[in-house]
Structures are given as structure tokens and as C-alpha cells.
N, C-alpha and C. Protein backbone atom coordinates (compact mmCIF):
# COMPACT_ATOMS: atom_id res chain seq x y z
N PHE A 1 -189.11 67.53 186.12
CA PHE A 1 -188.83 67.64 187.50
C PHE A 1 -187.90 66.45 187.95
N LEU A 2 -186.96 66.81 188.80
CA LEU A 2 -185.95 65.74 189.26
C LEU A 2 -186.02 65.82 190.78
N ARG A 3 -185.78 64.55 191.32
CA ARG A 3 -185.60 64.36 192.73
C ARG A 3 -184.53 63.38 192.92
N ASP A 4 -183.41 63.76 193.63
CA ASP A 4 -182.28 62.89 193.84
C ASP A 4 -181.70 62.57 192.38
N ARG A 5 -181.73 63.53 191.54
CA ARG A 5 -181.25 63.42 190.21
C ARG A 5 -181.93 62.33 189.33
N CYS A 6 -183.15 62.01 189.68
CA CYS A 6 -183.94 61.06 188.89
C CYS A 6 -185.27 61.86 188.48
N VAL A 7 -185.75 61.48 187.27
CA VAL A 7 -186.99 62.11 186.70
C VAL A 7 -188.23 61.65 187.54
N THR A 8 -188.92 62.63 188.06
CA THR A 8 -190.21 62.37 188.66
C THR A 8 -191.32 62.62 187.61
N GLN A 9 -191.16 63.57 186.75
CA GLN A 9 -192.03 63.76 185.61
C GLN A 9 -191.42 64.68 184.68
N CYS A 10 -191.80 64.63 183.39
CA CYS A 10 -191.35 65.55 182.32
C CYS A 10 -192.35 65.62 181.22
N ASN A 11 -192.29 66.68 180.47
CA ASN A 11 -193.22 66.85 179.36
C ASN A 11 -192.78 66.15 178.12
N ARG A 12 -193.66 66.10 177.10
CA ARG A 12 -193.34 65.41 175.89
C ARG A 12 -192.16 66.08 175.11
N ALA A 13 -192.15 67.36 175.24
CA ALA A 13 -191.06 68.15 174.49
C ALA A 13 -189.65 67.72 174.99
N PHE A 14 -189.51 67.46 176.28
CA PHE A 14 -188.22 67.03 176.81
C PHE A 14 -187.84 65.67 176.29
N GLU A 15 -188.92 64.75 176.35
CA GLU A 15 -188.66 63.45 175.74
C GLU A 15 -188.30 63.45 174.30
N LEU A 16 -188.98 64.24 173.53
CA LEU A 16 -188.65 64.32 172.11
C LEU A 16 -187.23 64.95 171.92
N LEU A 17 -186.87 65.88 172.70
CA LEU A 17 -185.60 66.56 172.62
C LEU A 17 -184.48 65.44 172.74
N LEU A 18 -184.70 64.58 173.65
CA LEU A 18 -183.65 63.57 173.97
C LEU A 18 -183.88 62.23 173.27
N GLY A 19 -184.95 62.11 172.50
CA GLY A 19 -185.19 60.90 171.69
C GLY A 19 -185.85 59.76 172.49
N TRP A 20 -186.59 60.01 173.50
CA TRP A 20 -187.26 58.95 174.21
C TRP A 20 -188.76 58.97 173.92
N GLU A 21 -189.31 57.81 174.12
CA GLU A 21 -190.82 57.58 173.91
C GLU A 21 -191.52 58.13 175.13
N PRO A 22 -192.85 58.42 174.97
CA PRO A 22 -193.63 58.88 176.11
C PRO A 22 -193.47 57.98 177.45
N GLY A 23 -193.16 58.64 178.44
CA GLY A 23 -193.07 57.92 179.76
C GLY A 23 -191.77 57.20 180.01
N GLU A 24 -190.90 56.99 179.02
CA GLU A 24 -189.71 56.17 179.18
C GLU A 24 -188.70 56.82 180.17
N LEU A 25 -188.70 58.11 180.35
CA LEU A 25 -187.78 58.72 181.22
C LEU A 25 -188.21 58.71 182.67
N SER A 26 -189.44 58.47 182.91
CA SER A 26 -189.91 58.50 184.31
C SER A 26 -189.20 57.58 185.16
N GLY A 27 -188.64 58.04 186.24
CA GLY A 27 -187.88 57.25 187.21
C GLY A 27 -186.44 57.05 186.86
N ARG A 28 -186.03 57.45 185.64
CA ARG A 28 -184.57 57.25 185.25
C ARG A 28 -183.73 58.31 185.81
N ALA A 29 -182.48 57.93 186.02
CA ALA A 29 -181.53 58.96 186.53
C ALA A 29 -181.14 59.95 185.46
N SER A 30 -180.82 61.11 185.79
CA SER A 30 -180.45 62.12 184.79
C SER A 30 -179.17 61.80 184.06
N ARG A 31 -178.46 60.77 184.59
CA ARG A 31 -177.19 60.36 183.89
C ARG A 31 -177.52 59.89 182.47
N GLU A 32 -178.74 59.53 182.14
CA GLU A 32 -179.11 59.01 180.81
C GLU A 32 -178.84 60.10 179.75
N TRP A 33 -178.87 61.35 180.06
CA TRP A 33 -178.75 62.38 178.99
C TRP A 33 -177.38 63.07 179.19
N TYR A 34 -176.45 62.50 179.76
CA TYR A 34 -175.03 63.06 179.75
C TYR A 34 -174.12 62.08 178.99
N ARG A 35 -173.09 62.64 178.41
CA ARG A 35 -172.23 61.83 177.52
C ARG A 35 -171.25 61.02 178.32
N SER A 36 -170.96 61.29 179.61
CA SER A 36 -170.13 60.54 180.37
C SER A 36 -170.39 60.77 181.87
N ASP A 37 -169.88 59.82 182.71
CA ASP A 37 -170.06 59.93 184.16
C ASP A 37 -169.37 61.23 184.62
N ALA A 38 -168.20 61.54 184.03
CA ALA A 38 -167.53 62.74 184.44
C ALA A 38 -168.38 64.02 184.17
N GLU A 39 -169.01 64.05 183.03
CA GLU A 39 -169.87 65.21 182.68
C GLU A 39 -171.13 65.26 183.60
N TRP A 40 -171.63 64.15 183.87
CA TRP A 40 -172.75 64.09 184.86
C TRP A 40 -172.42 64.57 186.27
N GLU A 41 -171.31 64.18 186.72
CA GLU A 41 -170.80 64.64 188.14
C GLU A 41 -170.51 66.12 188.03
N ALA A 42 -169.85 66.64 186.97
CA ALA A 42 -169.58 68.03 186.80
C ALA A 42 -170.85 68.88 186.78
N ALA A 43 -171.86 68.38 186.12
CA ALA A 43 -173.07 69.03 185.89
C ALA A 43 -173.77 69.08 187.34
N GLY A 44 -173.70 68.01 188.13
CA GLY A 44 -174.23 67.99 189.46
C GLY A 44 -173.65 69.07 190.34
N GLN A 45 -172.33 69.15 190.29
CA GLN A 45 -171.62 70.13 191.15
C GLN A 45 -172.00 71.56 190.71
N ARG A 46 -172.01 71.71 189.37
CA ARG A 46 -172.25 73.06 188.80
C ARG A 46 -173.65 73.55 189.07
N CYS A 47 -174.64 72.68 188.81
CA CYS A 47 -176.07 73.03 188.89
C CYS A 47 -176.61 73.04 190.36
N TYR A 48 -176.29 72.13 191.14
CA TYR A 48 -176.86 72.01 192.40
C TYR A 48 -176.24 72.87 193.49
N GLU A 49 -175.06 73.37 193.28
CA GLU A 49 -174.44 74.35 194.28
C GLU A 49 -175.28 75.57 194.51
N PRO A 50 -175.80 76.21 193.40
CA PRO A 50 -176.63 77.36 193.60
C PRO A 50 -177.90 77.06 194.41
N PHE A 51 -178.44 75.72 194.27
CA PHE A 51 -179.66 75.46 195.08
C PHE A 51 -179.34 75.46 196.54
N ARG A 52 -178.17 74.96 196.93
CA ARG A 52 -177.80 74.94 198.32
C ARG A 52 -177.74 76.29 198.94
N GLN A 53 -177.53 77.29 198.05
CA GLN A 53 -177.40 78.60 198.56
C GLN A 53 -178.69 79.45 198.32
N GLY A 54 -179.78 78.71 197.98
CA GLY A 54 -181.10 79.30 197.79
C GLY A 54 -181.28 79.98 196.41
N GLY A 55 -180.39 79.69 195.56
CA GLY A 55 -180.47 80.33 194.23
C GLY A 55 -180.90 79.44 193.14
N ALA A 56 -180.77 79.83 191.95
CA ALA A 56 -181.14 79.07 190.72
C ALA A 56 -179.87 78.90 189.87
N PHE A 57 -180.04 77.92 188.94
CA PHE A 57 -178.95 77.77 187.97
C PHE A 57 -179.43 78.15 186.51
N GLU A 58 -178.46 78.86 185.84
CA GLU A 58 -178.72 79.22 184.47
C GLU A 58 -177.46 78.99 183.76
N GLY A 59 -177.42 78.27 182.62
CA GLY A 59 -176.14 78.09 181.95
C GLY A 59 -176.43 77.16 180.66
N GLU A 60 -175.32 76.96 180.05
CA GLU A 60 -175.37 76.07 178.81
C GLU A 60 -174.55 74.86 179.09
N MET A 61 -174.99 73.73 178.54
CA MET A 61 -174.23 72.51 178.58
C MET A 61 -174.60 71.54 177.50
N VAL A 62 -173.79 70.55 177.25
CA VAL A 62 -174.05 69.65 176.15
C VAL A 62 -174.73 68.39 176.73
N LEU A 63 -175.89 68.01 176.26
CA LEU A 63 -176.51 66.85 176.64
C LEU A 63 -176.46 65.75 175.54
N ARG A 64 -176.87 64.55 175.83
CA ARG A 64 -176.70 63.50 174.84
C ARG A 64 -178.11 62.93 174.43
N HIS A 65 -178.33 62.92 173.15
CA HIS A 65 -179.57 62.36 172.65
C HIS A 65 -179.53 60.83 172.85
N ARG A 66 -180.59 60.21 172.90
CA ARG A 66 -180.70 58.70 173.06
C ARG A 66 -179.78 58.01 172.07
N ASP A 67 -179.72 58.45 170.82
CA ASP A 67 -178.91 57.82 169.78
C ASP A 67 -177.41 58.22 169.83
N GLY A 68 -177.10 59.08 170.89
CA GLY A 68 -175.71 59.36 171.10
C GLY A 68 -175.22 60.77 170.65
N HIS A 69 -175.95 61.40 169.68
CA HIS A 69 -175.42 62.67 169.24
C HIS A 69 -175.63 63.79 170.27
N ALA A 70 -174.79 64.71 170.17
CA ALA A 70 -174.69 65.84 171.19
C ALA A 70 -175.82 66.86 170.83
N ILE A 71 -176.37 67.45 172.00
CA ILE A 71 -177.43 68.47 171.87
C ILE A 71 -176.88 69.67 172.82
N GLU A 72 -176.63 70.75 172.14
CA GLU A 72 -176.24 71.93 172.99
C GLU A 72 -177.55 72.59 173.56
N CYS A 73 -177.53 72.70 174.82
CA CYS A 73 -178.76 73.21 175.50
C CYS A 73 -178.53 74.45 176.45
N GLU A 74 -179.54 75.19 176.63
CA GLU A 74 -179.63 76.25 177.54
C GLU A 74 -180.43 75.68 178.68
N ILE A 75 -179.89 75.79 179.92
CA ILE A 75 -180.58 75.15 181.02
C ILE A 75 -180.97 76.20 182.09
N ARG A 76 -182.14 76.08 182.65
CA ARG A 76 -182.52 76.89 183.80
C ARG A 76 -183.15 75.94 184.75
N ALA A 77 -182.74 76.11 186.08
CA ALA A 77 -183.19 75.20 187.04
C ALA A 77 -183.28 75.81 188.49
N LYS A 78 -184.19 75.33 189.25
CA LYS A 78 -184.24 75.86 190.63
C LYS A 78 -184.87 74.75 191.52
N ALA A 79 -184.62 74.86 192.80
CA ALA A 79 -185.25 73.90 193.75
C ALA A 79 -186.77 74.26 193.82
N ILE A 80 -187.56 73.25 193.90
CA ILE A 80 -189.01 73.50 194.05
C ILE A 80 -189.30 74.36 195.26
N ASP A 81 -188.58 74.02 196.41
CA ASP A 81 -188.63 74.81 197.61
C ASP A 81 -187.23 75.06 198.01
N PRO A 82 -186.78 76.32 197.94
CA PRO A 82 -185.44 76.68 198.17
C PRO A 82 -184.99 76.34 199.66
N THR A 83 -186.02 76.28 200.53
CA THR A 83 -185.66 76.00 201.95
C THR A 83 -185.51 74.48 202.18
N GLN A 84 -186.09 73.67 201.15
CA GLN A 84 -185.96 72.16 201.27
C GLN A 84 -185.48 71.62 199.95
N PRO A 85 -184.19 71.73 199.58
CA PRO A 85 -183.77 71.31 198.28
C PRO A 85 -183.93 69.86 198.02
N ASP A 86 -184.12 69.00 199.12
CA ASP A 86 -184.33 67.58 198.98
C ASP A 86 -185.70 67.27 198.40
N LEU A 87 -186.59 68.23 198.30
CA LEU A 87 -187.89 67.98 197.65
C LEU A 87 -187.86 67.82 196.16
N GLY A 88 -186.71 68.34 195.55
CA GLY A 88 -186.49 68.15 194.15
C GLY A 88 -186.32 69.50 193.50
N SER A 89 -186.23 69.47 192.17
CA SER A 89 -185.98 70.63 191.44
C SER A 89 -186.70 70.60 190.09
N ILE A 90 -186.92 71.86 189.54
CA ILE A 90 -187.60 71.88 188.29
C ILE A 90 -186.59 72.46 187.18
N TRP A 91 -186.61 71.96 186.02
CA TRP A 91 -185.61 72.22 184.99
C TRP A 91 -186.34 72.56 183.69
N ILE A 92 -185.77 73.61 183.05
CA ILE A 92 -186.30 74.00 181.71
C ILE A 92 -185.04 73.85 180.85
N THR A 93 -185.21 73.09 179.71
CA THR A 93 -184.12 72.78 178.85
C THR A 93 -184.49 73.24 177.41
N MET A 94 -183.68 74.00 176.83
CA MET A 94 -183.93 74.42 175.43
C MET A 94 -182.82 74.02 174.58
N ASP A 95 -183.13 73.43 173.40
CA ASP A 95 -182.12 73.14 172.40
C ASP A 95 -181.67 74.37 171.72
N ILE A 96 -180.33 74.54 171.80
CA ILE A 96 -179.71 75.76 171.14
C ILE A 96 -178.68 75.30 170.18
N THR A 97 -178.75 74.05 169.80
CA THR A 97 -177.72 73.48 168.89
C THR A 97 -177.63 74.29 167.54
N ALA A 98 -178.77 74.64 167.03
CA ALA A 98 -178.72 75.42 165.71
C ALA A 98 -178.21 76.82 165.90
N ARG A 99 -178.56 77.40 167.04
CA ARG A 99 -178.06 78.72 167.38
C ARG A 99 -176.58 78.78 167.58
N LYS A 100 -176.05 77.75 168.29
CA LYS A 100 -174.64 77.65 168.56
C LYS A 100 -173.86 77.31 167.22
N ALA A 101 -174.46 76.51 166.37
CA ALA A 101 -173.83 76.23 165.10
C ALA A 101 -173.74 77.53 164.28
N ALA A 102 -174.84 78.28 164.31
CA ALA A 102 -174.84 79.55 163.55
C ALA A 102 -173.80 80.57 164.13
N GLU A 103 -173.74 80.58 165.44
CA GLU A 103 -172.65 81.42 166.01
C GLU A 103 -171.33 81.05 165.67
N ARG A 104 -171.03 79.74 165.70
CA ARG A 104 -169.74 79.19 165.26
C ARG A 104 -169.47 79.57 163.77
N ALA A 105 -170.45 79.36 162.95
CA ALA A 105 -170.32 79.77 161.53
C ALA A 105 -170.05 81.23 161.32
N LEU A 106 -170.74 82.02 162.12
CA LEU A 106 -170.59 83.45 162.07
C LEU A 106 -169.11 83.81 162.46
N ARG A 107 -168.64 83.24 163.62
CA ARG A 107 -167.30 83.45 164.04
C ARG A 107 -166.31 83.06 163.03
N ASP A 108 -166.51 81.88 162.41
CA ASP A 108 -165.51 81.33 161.43
C ASP A 108 -165.54 82.30 160.17
N THR A 109 -166.73 82.79 159.84
CA THR A 109 -166.85 83.69 158.64
C THR A 109 -166.15 84.92 158.97
N GLN A 110 -166.37 85.51 160.19
CA GLN A 110 -165.75 86.77 160.60
C GLN A 110 -164.20 86.58 160.60
N ALA A 111 -163.68 85.44 161.12
CA ALA A 111 -162.26 85.21 161.19
C ALA A 111 -161.70 85.12 159.68
N ASP A 112 -162.42 84.50 158.88
CA ASP A 112 -162.05 84.34 157.49
C ASP A 112 -162.01 85.68 156.78
N LEU A 113 -163.09 86.52 157.01
CA LEU A 113 -163.09 87.88 156.43
C LEU A 113 -161.94 88.68 156.94
N GLU A 114 -161.63 88.60 158.28
CA GLU A 114 -160.52 89.39 158.80
C GLU A 114 -159.22 88.90 158.24
N ARG A 115 -159.09 87.62 158.04
CA ARG A 115 -157.84 87.03 157.38
C ARG A 115 -157.68 87.62 155.97
N GLN A 116 -158.80 87.63 155.22
CA GLN A 116 -158.76 88.07 153.81
C GLN A 116 -158.43 89.64 153.77
N VAL A 117 -159.06 90.34 154.66
CA VAL A 117 -158.82 91.81 154.70
C VAL A 117 -157.32 92.02 155.01
N LEU A 118 -156.80 91.29 155.99
CA LEU A 118 -155.39 91.36 156.42
C LEU A 118 -154.52 91.07 155.18
N GLU A 119 -154.80 89.94 154.52
CA GLU A 119 -154.00 89.53 153.35
C GLU A 119 -154.12 90.62 152.22
N ARG A 120 -155.31 91.16 151.95
CA ARG A 120 -155.45 92.14 150.93
C ARG A 120 -154.75 93.44 151.23
N THR A 121 -154.88 93.78 152.59
CA THR A 121 -154.23 95.01 153.08
C THR A 121 -152.71 94.91 152.91
N GLN A 122 -152.11 93.76 153.28
CA GLN A 122 -150.71 93.56 153.11
C GLN A 122 -150.35 93.57 151.58
N ALA A 123 -151.28 92.93 150.77
CA ALA A 123 -150.96 92.90 149.34
C ALA A 123 -150.98 94.36 148.76
N LEU A 124 -151.99 95.12 149.21
CA LEU A 124 -152.12 96.53 148.80
C LEU A 124 -150.96 97.38 149.27
N ASN A 125 -150.58 97.10 150.47
CA ASN A 125 -149.38 97.83 151.05
C ASN A 125 -148.14 97.48 150.19
N HIS A 126 -148.01 96.18 149.90
CA HIS A 126 -146.91 95.74 149.11
C HIS A 126 -146.87 96.41 147.75
N LEU A 127 -148.07 96.45 147.12
CA LEU A 127 -148.19 97.13 145.80
C LEU A 127 -147.80 98.52 145.82
N ALA A 128 -148.24 99.19 146.92
CA ALA A 128 -148.04 100.61 147.10
C ALA A 128 -146.58 100.98 147.31
N HIS A 129 -145.72 99.99 147.89
CA HIS A 129 -144.34 100.33 148.38
C HIS A 129 -143.28 99.56 147.60
N TYR A 130 -143.67 98.66 146.75
CA TYR A 130 -142.62 97.79 146.14
C TYR A 130 -142.94 97.73 144.63
N ASP A 131 -141.88 97.65 143.86
CA ASP A 131 -142.03 97.53 142.39
C ASP A 131 -142.50 96.11 142.03
N VAL A 132 -143.60 96.09 141.19
CA VAL A 132 -144.20 94.82 140.87
C VAL A 132 -143.30 93.93 140.12
N LEU A 133 -142.46 94.45 139.22
CA LEU A 133 -141.54 93.63 138.46
C LEU A 133 -140.42 93.05 139.28
N THR A 134 -139.75 93.86 140.08
CA THR A 134 -138.56 93.45 140.74
C THR A 134 -138.70 93.03 142.24
N GLY A 135 -139.82 93.54 142.77
CA GLY A 135 -140.03 93.34 144.23
C GLY A 135 -139.25 94.20 145.11
N LEU A 136 -138.44 95.12 144.54
CA LEU A 136 -137.63 96.01 145.28
C LEU A 136 -138.49 97.29 145.77
N PRO A 137 -138.08 97.88 146.82
CA PRO A 137 -138.86 99.11 147.29
C PRO A 137 -138.85 100.09 146.17
N ASN A 138 -140.03 100.86 146.15
CA ASN A 138 -140.25 101.81 145.13
C ASN A 138 -139.89 103.23 145.65
N ARG A 139 -140.01 104.27 144.82
CA ARG A 139 -139.69 105.55 145.27
C ARG A 139 -140.46 106.06 146.50
N LEU A 140 -141.74 105.66 146.60
CA LEU A 140 -142.56 106.07 147.78
C LEU A 140 -141.94 105.58 149.09
N LEU A 141 -141.50 104.25 149.06
CA LEU A 141 -140.97 103.64 150.24
C LEU A 141 -139.56 104.19 150.49
N LEU A 142 -138.79 104.45 149.33
CA LEU A 142 -137.47 105.01 149.50
C LEU A 142 -137.52 106.44 150.17
N GLU A 143 -138.53 107.24 149.79
CA GLU A 143 -138.71 108.56 150.33
C GLU A 143 -138.99 108.32 151.84
N ASP A 144 -139.94 107.44 152.19
CA ASP A 144 -140.27 107.32 153.61
C ASP A 144 -139.04 106.86 154.39
N ARG A 145 -138.37 105.91 153.92
CA ARG A 145 -137.19 105.36 154.70
C ARG A 145 -136.10 106.40 154.77
N ALA A 146 -135.95 107.19 153.73
CA ALA A 146 -134.84 108.24 153.70
C ALA A 146 -135.23 109.29 154.76
N GLN A 147 -136.48 109.65 154.79
CA GLN A 147 -136.90 110.65 155.84
C GLN A 147 -136.59 110.12 157.22
N GLN A 148 -137.02 108.85 157.50
CA GLN A 148 -136.75 108.20 158.80
C GLN A 148 -135.29 108.18 159.09
N ALA A 149 -134.46 107.83 158.11
CA ALA A 149 -133.06 107.74 158.32
C ALA A 149 -132.38 109.07 158.61
N LEU A 150 -132.90 110.16 157.84
CA LEU A 150 -132.44 111.45 158.14
C LEU A 150 -132.72 111.94 159.51
N LEU A 151 -133.99 111.69 159.96
CA LEU A 151 -134.35 112.10 161.29
C LEU A 151 -133.49 111.37 162.33
N ALA A 152 -133.33 110.12 162.13
CA ALA A 152 -132.53 109.31 163.11
C ALA A 152 -131.11 109.85 163.13
N ALA A 153 -130.49 110.13 161.97
CA ALA A 153 -129.16 110.64 161.93
C ALA A 153 -129.03 111.99 162.62
N ARG A 154 -130.03 112.86 162.43
CA ARG A 154 -130.01 114.17 163.06
C ARG A 154 -130.13 113.97 164.57
N ARG A 155 -131.05 113.16 165.09
CA ARG A 155 -131.19 112.89 166.48
C ARG A 155 -129.94 112.34 167.09
N GLN A 156 -129.25 111.47 166.49
CA GLN A 156 -128.08 110.89 166.96
C GLN A 156 -126.78 111.60 166.59
N ASN A 157 -126.97 112.73 165.86
CA ASN A 157 -125.79 113.48 165.40
C ASN A 157 -124.79 112.57 164.70
N GLN A 158 -125.35 111.77 163.79
CA GLN A 158 -124.50 110.79 163.03
C GLN A 158 -124.64 111.10 161.54
N PRO A 159 -123.48 110.82 160.79
CA PRO A 159 -123.58 111.06 159.37
C PRO A 159 -124.44 110.00 158.68
N LEU A 160 -124.89 110.33 157.54
CA LEU A 160 -125.80 109.39 156.72
C LEU A 160 -125.30 109.40 155.26
N ALA A 161 -125.23 108.23 154.71
CA ALA A 161 -124.79 108.15 153.32
C ALA A 161 -125.86 107.43 152.48
N VAL A 162 -126.00 107.91 151.28
CA VAL A 162 -126.98 107.33 150.32
C VAL A 162 -126.20 106.86 149.12
N MET A 163 -126.49 105.68 148.64
CA MET A 163 -125.81 105.14 147.50
C MET A 163 -126.76 105.09 146.36
N PHE A 164 -126.37 105.67 145.15
CA PHE A 164 -127.18 105.59 144.03
C PHE A 164 -126.57 104.70 142.92
N LEU A 165 -127.36 103.72 142.44
CA LEU A 165 -126.88 102.84 141.40
C LEU A 165 -127.61 103.19 140.06
N ASP A 166 -126.81 103.13 139.02
CA ASP A 166 -127.41 103.40 137.70
C ASP A 166 -126.93 102.26 136.78
N LEU A 167 -127.83 101.83 135.97
CA LEU A 167 -127.57 100.74 135.07
C LEU A 167 -127.26 101.33 133.66
N ASP A 168 -125.94 101.38 133.38
CA ASP A 168 -125.52 102.06 132.10
C ASP A 168 -126.09 101.34 130.92
N HIS A 169 -126.44 102.15 129.90
CA HIS A 169 -126.91 101.70 128.59
C HIS A 169 -128.11 100.78 128.70
N PHE A 170 -128.98 101.01 129.70
CA PHE A 170 -130.18 100.12 129.86
C PHE A 170 -131.14 100.32 128.71
N LYS A 171 -131.23 101.62 128.28
CA LYS A 171 -132.13 101.99 127.20
C LYS A 171 -131.81 101.23 126.00
N ALA A 172 -130.56 101.01 125.75
CA ALA A 172 -130.11 100.30 124.57
C ALA A 172 -130.58 98.83 124.63
N VAL A 173 -130.61 98.24 125.73
CA VAL A 173 -131.02 96.87 125.99
C VAL A 173 -132.58 96.81 125.65
N ASN A 174 -133.24 97.73 126.14
CA ASN A 174 -134.74 97.75 125.85
C ASN A 174 -135.00 98.00 124.36
N ASP A 175 -134.26 98.91 123.72
CA ASP A 175 -134.45 99.23 122.35
C ASP A 175 -134.07 98.17 121.44
N SER A 176 -132.93 97.48 121.77
CA SER A 176 -132.48 96.53 120.77
C SER A 176 -132.96 95.10 121.06
N LEU A 177 -133.26 94.77 122.33
CA LEU A 177 -133.70 93.35 122.57
C LEU A 177 -135.18 93.30 123.07
N GLY A 178 -135.77 94.45 123.30
CA GLY A 178 -137.17 94.47 123.71
C GLY A 178 -137.32 94.61 125.19
N HIS A 179 -138.56 94.98 125.64
CA HIS A 179 -138.86 95.26 127.01
C HIS A 179 -138.88 93.99 127.84
N ARG A 180 -139.23 92.86 127.25
CA ARG A 180 -139.20 91.57 128.00
C ARG A 180 -137.82 91.23 128.41
N VAL A 181 -136.83 91.44 127.58
CA VAL A 181 -135.42 91.14 127.87
C VAL A 181 -135.02 92.15 128.96
N GLY A 182 -135.47 93.40 128.78
CA GLY A 182 -135.09 94.47 129.72
C GLY A 182 -135.67 94.09 131.10
N ASP A 183 -136.87 93.56 131.16
CA ASP A 183 -137.47 93.17 132.37
C ASP A 183 -136.65 92.04 133.02
N VAL A 184 -136.16 91.11 132.23
CA VAL A 184 -135.35 89.92 132.79
C VAL A 184 -134.13 90.48 133.37
N VAL A 185 -133.48 91.47 132.69
CA VAL A 185 -132.23 92.11 133.17
C VAL A 185 -132.48 92.75 134.48
N LEU A 186 -133.58 93.56 134.65
CA LEU A 186 -133.96 94.22 135.90
C LEU A 186 -134.18 93.24 137.00
N MET A 187 -134.93 92.16 136.70
CA MET A 187 -135.19 91.14 137.69
C MET A 187 -133.91 90.41 138.18
N GLU A 188 -132.99 90.20 137.24
CA GLU A 188 -131.72 89.60 137.62
C GLU A 188 -130.87 90.50 138.44
N LEU A 189 -130.86 91.73 138.09
CA LEU A 189 -130.20 92.78 138.90
C LEU A 189 -130.74 92.83 140.36
N ALA A 190 -132.09 92.88 140.41
CA ALA A 190 -132.78 92.96 141.72
C ALA A 190 -132.32 91.71 142.50
N ASP A 191 -132.39 90.57 141.89
CA ASP A 191 -132.09 89.32 142.62
C ASP A 191 -130.66 89.37 143.21
N ARG A 192 -129.73 89.83 142.29
CA ARG A 192 -128.34 89.96 142.74
C ARG A 192 -128.13 91.00 143.81
N LEU A 193 -128.90 92.14 143.80
CA LEU A 193 -128.77 93.09 144.82
C LEU A 193 -129.32 92.56 146.16
């Protein structure tokens, strides 16, 4: 219970939550459990405005344990008598630090999984459309791009040219020097192209 933002009474659970001994919070200003004057002022504006309109406050905020560490809390509060807010207010505070940490961990895990799925999808897409050895587009991608080019050329009534390159005597390179050398030749050609 608060009056003029000072504790008139509280239960042991609230004292334990904030790290105070029994009775130590009695008469103290609520500023004791905020991390800064600015946060205390902001909380006052945020929480007490609904009281002036006859309502209640529900929300989350970060409070400060006596030793200084942050405690994420869910807060519910209302004036004892909505017609006379000066009589004080009653507050229920629940520590949700573990829940918020779990939510953050879940969001981080989800973001990591989405990143991995995107990376793997891109990798699979690359494997499906590009030659593993040279990194050049494969027949599947060539066919897709050729179809798109043909449609575009027809729509725009433009000519289209396709160039075909052949590597003369490549079989002889593979047969005489081996497939590894043949692979090196293909990679060099791809790099030059």
C-alpha cells in the first residue's frame, strides 16, 4: 500500500522480492525500488494517470533489487478509493524476470532457426541451380532463364540470341591427365568466363 508514493504497509513477499528485511520498507518512498529518478518520475506519470481518471494501472516495468540488480515485474495497481485518490493506492507486484528471460531466449532461438532455415534454403537453391564444381548456372537455371528471356523477347517483339560454347578436346584432357586436372581446367574456364 502506498500513500504519496511512500509505503504505508507491505507483505513479506514484496520485501523479499526487493531484498529488504521485514519492516524496513515501511515509510520509505517508492523511489527505493527504481533504478533512477527519471524511471521513478516516468512510473509516477504512467501509473497514477489512470487513478485520476478512476481507473487502474496494469503493465510491466523494471524495478531495482536492494543490491542493484534489475527485476522485471508485472504491476497491477488501483486507488483504494477511486473518488479520493489521495487516500492511497494498493499495488500487486509479480516477478516475471524468469518468464521474460525465457521469452527472450525463445525469440533468439526462433530468430536463429529462421536464419538457419534461410541460409539452408539459399544453399539448397544454389545447389539446385548452380554447378557445384564451377559455380556456374546449371541446365535447370539455364532453362528457366531462357524461358524468361524468350517470353520477354516475344512481349517486346525483340530478337534474342543464345551463345553456345564448347571446349574442344576436353575428353582428351580427362582421359590423359585425369579428372582432377579436368576439374581444374573447368574451374579456370568458369573463372575466366
